[in-house]
Protein backbone atom coordinates (compact mmCIF):
# COMPACT_ATOMS: atom_id res chain seq x y z
CA MET A 1 205.01 147.10 88.86
CA ALA A 2 204.45 148.73 92.24
CA GLY A 3 206.71 147.58 95.09
CA TRP A 4 203.76 146.22 97.07
CA ALA A 5 202.41 144.07 94.21
CA PRO A 6 204.66 140.97 94.59
CA ALA A 7 203.77 140.56 98.28
CA PHE A 8 200.07 141.18 97.54
CA LEU A 9 200.04 138.56 94.77
CA LEU A 10 201.82 136.03 96.99
CA GLY A 11 199.12 136.68 99.61
CA VAL A 12 196.45 135.96 97.00
CA ALA A 13 198.21 132.73 96.01
CA THR A 14 198.47 131.71 99.68
CA ALA A 15 194.74 132.21 100.16
CA VAL A 16 194.05 130.22 96.98
CA VAL A 17 196.03 127.27 98.32
CA LEU A 18 194.51 127.39 101.80
CA GLU A 19 190.91 127.74 100.70
CA THR A 20 191.06 125.25 97.83
CA GLY A 21 192.99 122.69 99.86
CA MET A 22 190.62 123.01 102.79
CA GLY A 23 187.62 122.71 100.50
CA LEU A 24 188.94 119.51 98.99
CA LEU A 25 190.16 117.93 102.21
CA LEU A 26 187.10 118.74 104.32
CA PHE A 27 185.01 116.45 102.14
CA LEU A 28 187.18 113.56 103.32
CA SER A 29 186.90 114.11 107.05
CA PRO A 30 184.09 112.85 109.25
CA GLY A 31 184.14 116.04 111.34
CA LEU A 32 184.57 119.64 110.32
CA LEU A 33 186.46 120.85 113.38
CA PRO A 34 189.18 118.15 113.45
CA ALA A 35 189.75 118.55 109.72
CA LEU A 36 189.84 122.32 109.90
CA THR A 37 192.25 122.20 112.85
CA GLY A 38 194.60 119.81 111.06
CA VAL A 39 194.58 121.64 107.74
CA LEU A 40 195.12 125.06 109.33
CA ALA A 41 197.88 123.80 111.66
CA VAL A 42 199.78 122.12 108.82
CA GLY A 43 199.18 125.05 106.47
CA LEU A 44 200.31 127.76 108.86
CA GLY A 45 203.26 125.65 110.03
CA SER A 46 204.34 125.13 106.42
CA LEU A 47 204.00 128.84 105.69
CA ALA A 48 206.09 129.68 108.77
CA SER A 49 208.76 127.15 107.73
CA GLY A 50 208.92 128.74 104.29
CA LEU A 51 209.21 132.22 105.78
CA ALA A 52 212.08 131.05 107.98
CA SER A 53 213.90 129.28 105.14
CA VAL A 54 215.59 132.33 103.62
CA ARG A 55 219.34 132.42 104.09
CA SER A 56 221.55 135.35 103.34
CA GLY A 57 224.61 135.52 101.16
CA PRO A 58 225.38 134.44 97.62
CA GLU A 59 224.79 130.75 98.38
CA ALA A 60 221.11 131.42 99.09
CA GLY A 61 219.88 130.72 95.55
CA VAL A 62 216.99 132.84 94.37
CA ARG A 63 215.46 130.76 91.60
CA TRP A 64 214.63 127.68 93.66
CA ARG A 65 211.92 129.51 95.63
CA TRP A 66 209.99 130.59 92.57
CA LEU A 67 210.48 127.29 90.77
CA LEU A 68 209.39 125.30 93.84
CA ALA A 69 206.28 127.50 94.21
CA ALA A 70 205.39 127.08 90.54
CA GLY A 71 206.08 123.34 90.59
CA SER A 72 204.11 122.74 93.79
CA LEU A 73 201.09 124.59 92.40
CA VAL A 74 201.28 122.65 89.15
CA GLY A 75 201.53 119.42 91.18
CA ALA A 76 198.49 120.41 93.27
CA ALA A 77 196.58 121.24 90.08
CA VAL A 78 197.42 117.87 88.53
CA LEU A 79 196.45 116.07 91.74
CA SER A 80 193.16 117.93 91.79
CA VAL A 81 192.43 116.80 88.20
CA GLY A 82 192.71 113.21 89.37
CA TRP A 83 190.42 114.11 92.24
CA SER A 84 187.85 115.49 89.77
CA PHE A 85 187.75 112.18 87.92
CA GLN A 86 187.46 110.21 91.14
CA GLY A 87 184.58 112.26 92.53
CA GLU A 88 184.22 113.40 96.12
CA ALA A 89 185.46 110.12 97.56
CA GLY A 90 189.09 110.20 98.58
CA PRO A 91 191.51 107.90 100.36
CA ASP A 92 190.25 106.37 103.58
CA SER A 93 193.64 105.87 105.22
CA TRP A 94 195.46 108.45 107.28
CA LEU A 95 198.48 107.97 105.04
CA GLY A 96 196.46 108.83 101.93
CA ARG A 97 194.94 111.88 103.59
CA GLY A 98 198.37 112.95 104.84
CA GLY A 99 199.79 112.69 101.32
CA LEU A 100 196.98 114.80 99.95
CA LEU A 101 197.50 117.36 102.69
CA ALA A 102 201.21 117.46 101.92
CA PHE A 103 200.76 118.04 98.18
CA LEU A 104 197.60 120.17 98.20
CA VAL A 105 198.49 122.45 101.13
CA ALA A 106 201.86 121.96 102.88
CA LEU A 107 204.32 122.04 99.98
CA PRO A 108 202.62 124.94 98.15
CA LEU A 109 202.43 127.00 101.36
CA TYR A 110 206.04 126.25 102.27
CA SER A 111 207.19 127.44 98.85
CA LEU A 112 204.94 130.52 98.95
CA GLY A 113 206.37 131.39 102.37
CA ALA A 114 209.89 131.12 100.95
CA CYS A 115 208.93 133.45 98.07
CA LEU A 116 207.34 135.94 100.45
CA ALA A 117 210.44 135.90 102.67
CA ALA A 118 212.58 136.64 99.60
CA VAL A 119 210.29 139.54 98.65
CA ALA A 120 210.50 140.89 102.20
CA ARG A 121 214.28 140.55 102.22
CA SER A 122 214.61 142.43 98.93
CA GLY A 123 213.49 145.62 100.69
CA ALA A 124 211.46 146.86 97.70
CA GLU A 125 208.46 147.46 99.98
CA PRO A 126 208.74 148.44 103.66
CA ARG A 127 205.56 146.56 104.69
CA PRO A 128 205.37 143.33 102.65
CA GLY A 129 203.54 141.46 105.41
CA ALA A 130 200.64 143.89 105.37
CA TRP A 131 200.35 143.63 101.59
CA ALA A 132 200.55 139.83 101.74
CA ALA A 133 197.77 139.73 104.36
CA LEU A 134 195.63 142.07 102.26
CA GLY A 135 196.32 139.90 99.23
CA GLY A 136 195.30 136.86 101.28
CA ALA A 137 192.01 138.51 102.20
CA ALA A 138 191.38 139.42 98.56
CA GLY A 139 192.31 135.89 97.51
CA VAL A 140 189.83 134.34 99.95
CA LEU A 141 187.07 136.54 98.53
CA VAL A 142 188.00 135.83 94.90
CA VAL A 143 188.29 132.07 95.48
CA GLY A 144 185.17 131.75 97.61
CA LEU A 145 182.87 134.03 95.65
CA ALA A 146 184.10 133.78 92.07
CA LEU A 147 186.40 130.84 91.36
CA VAL A 148 185.20 127.83 93.39
CA PRO A 149 181.51 128.19 92.44
CA ARG A 150 182.38 128.35 88.73
CA PHE A 151 185.60 126.39 88.16
CA GLU A 152 187.20 123.06 89.02
CA PRO A 153 190.00 123.05 91.63
CA PHE A 154 192.52 122.54 88.82
CA SER A 155 191.72 126.01 87.45
CA VAL A 156 191.82 127.55 90.91
CA TYR A 157 195.34 126.22 91.55
CA LEU A 158 196.37 127.55 88.12
CA PHE A 159 195.05 130.96 89.20
CA GLY A 160 197.44 130.70 92.17
CA LEU A 161 200.23 129.79 89.75
CA MET A 162 199.41 132.90 87.72
CA CYS A 163 199.71 135.01 90.90
CA VAL A 164 203.14 133.49 91.64
CA ALA A 165 204.30 134.17 88.07
CA LEU A 166 203.09 137.77 88.22
CA SER A 167 204.77 138.20 91.60
CA ALA A 168 208.06 136.89 90.20
CA LEU A 169 207.68 139.26 87.26
CA GLY A 170 207.17 142.11 89.73
CA VAL A 171 210.34 141.17 91.60
CA VAL A 172 212.24 141.08 88.29
CA THR A 173 210.79 144.42 87.19
CA ASN A 174 211.50 146.09 90.52
CA ALA A 175 215.06 144.72 90.61
CA SER A 176 215.84 145.79 87.06
CA SER A 177 214.39 149.27 87.56
CA ASP A 178 216.66 149.97 90.53
CA GLY A 179 219.66 150.65 88.33
CA PRO A 180 220.93 150.53 84.76
CA GLY A 181 220.69 147.18 82.98
CA ARG A 182 219.69 143.91 84.52
CA GLN A 183 221.01 143.02 87.93
CA ASP A 184 222.87 139.88 88.86
CA PRO A 185 220.26 137.22 89.84
CA ILE A 186 221.69 136.85 93.35
CA GLU A 187 222.21 140.56 93.99
CA GLY A 188 219.15 141.90 92.19
CA GLY A 189 216.65 139.21 93.13
CA ASP A 190 215.93 138.27 89.50
CA PRO A 191 214.72 134.66 89.65
CA TRP A 192 214.64 134.14 85.88
CA ALA A 193 217.86 135.77 84.68
CA LEU A 194 220.21 133.34 82.98
CA GLU A 195 222.91 135.85 82.18
CA ARG A 196 224.00 139.30 83.13
CA TRP A 197 223.28 142.07 80.66
CA GLU A 198 224.39 145.69 80.85
CA PRO A 199 223.84 148.33 78.16
């Protein structure tokens, strides 16, 4: 997999979360501008927190980022299934709306930011931010023009999960192609390796 692909796919997944979460949450709000302002502020703040969360050294576990991203997207997908059964009506309280915002937007974007920071730190691609932004633009187009008009939000979040899985696979492939045999998960950035293997 090309060195730019993991960052690009994480950008697509980020756009999936932002656009799907905003689409769901804007139906709840009495005004478009206050809802849009709140969702974007929380989303971008969560993404920034995730980007800043990467520590260096062997104690900075690699797997948790990818597992948190996958788990948060699965959680958002499950929550959106419940939403589909309930219809367009959602919780009326600020606490209910805040919980939805946390699980549909904030937690997935935090975890995607952490994954993107890990990809950037790996050094496999000199411009991961540019590829992530391009992936985000592509994701907005795919979600808005192809996925949302045809599929339920559950399927759209699962598309984001697929992008995260492919990105993790790209990180694994790039790390294992750097040298002979598989790299140590901490040193090589392999989020799925359970043991070290050398030919």
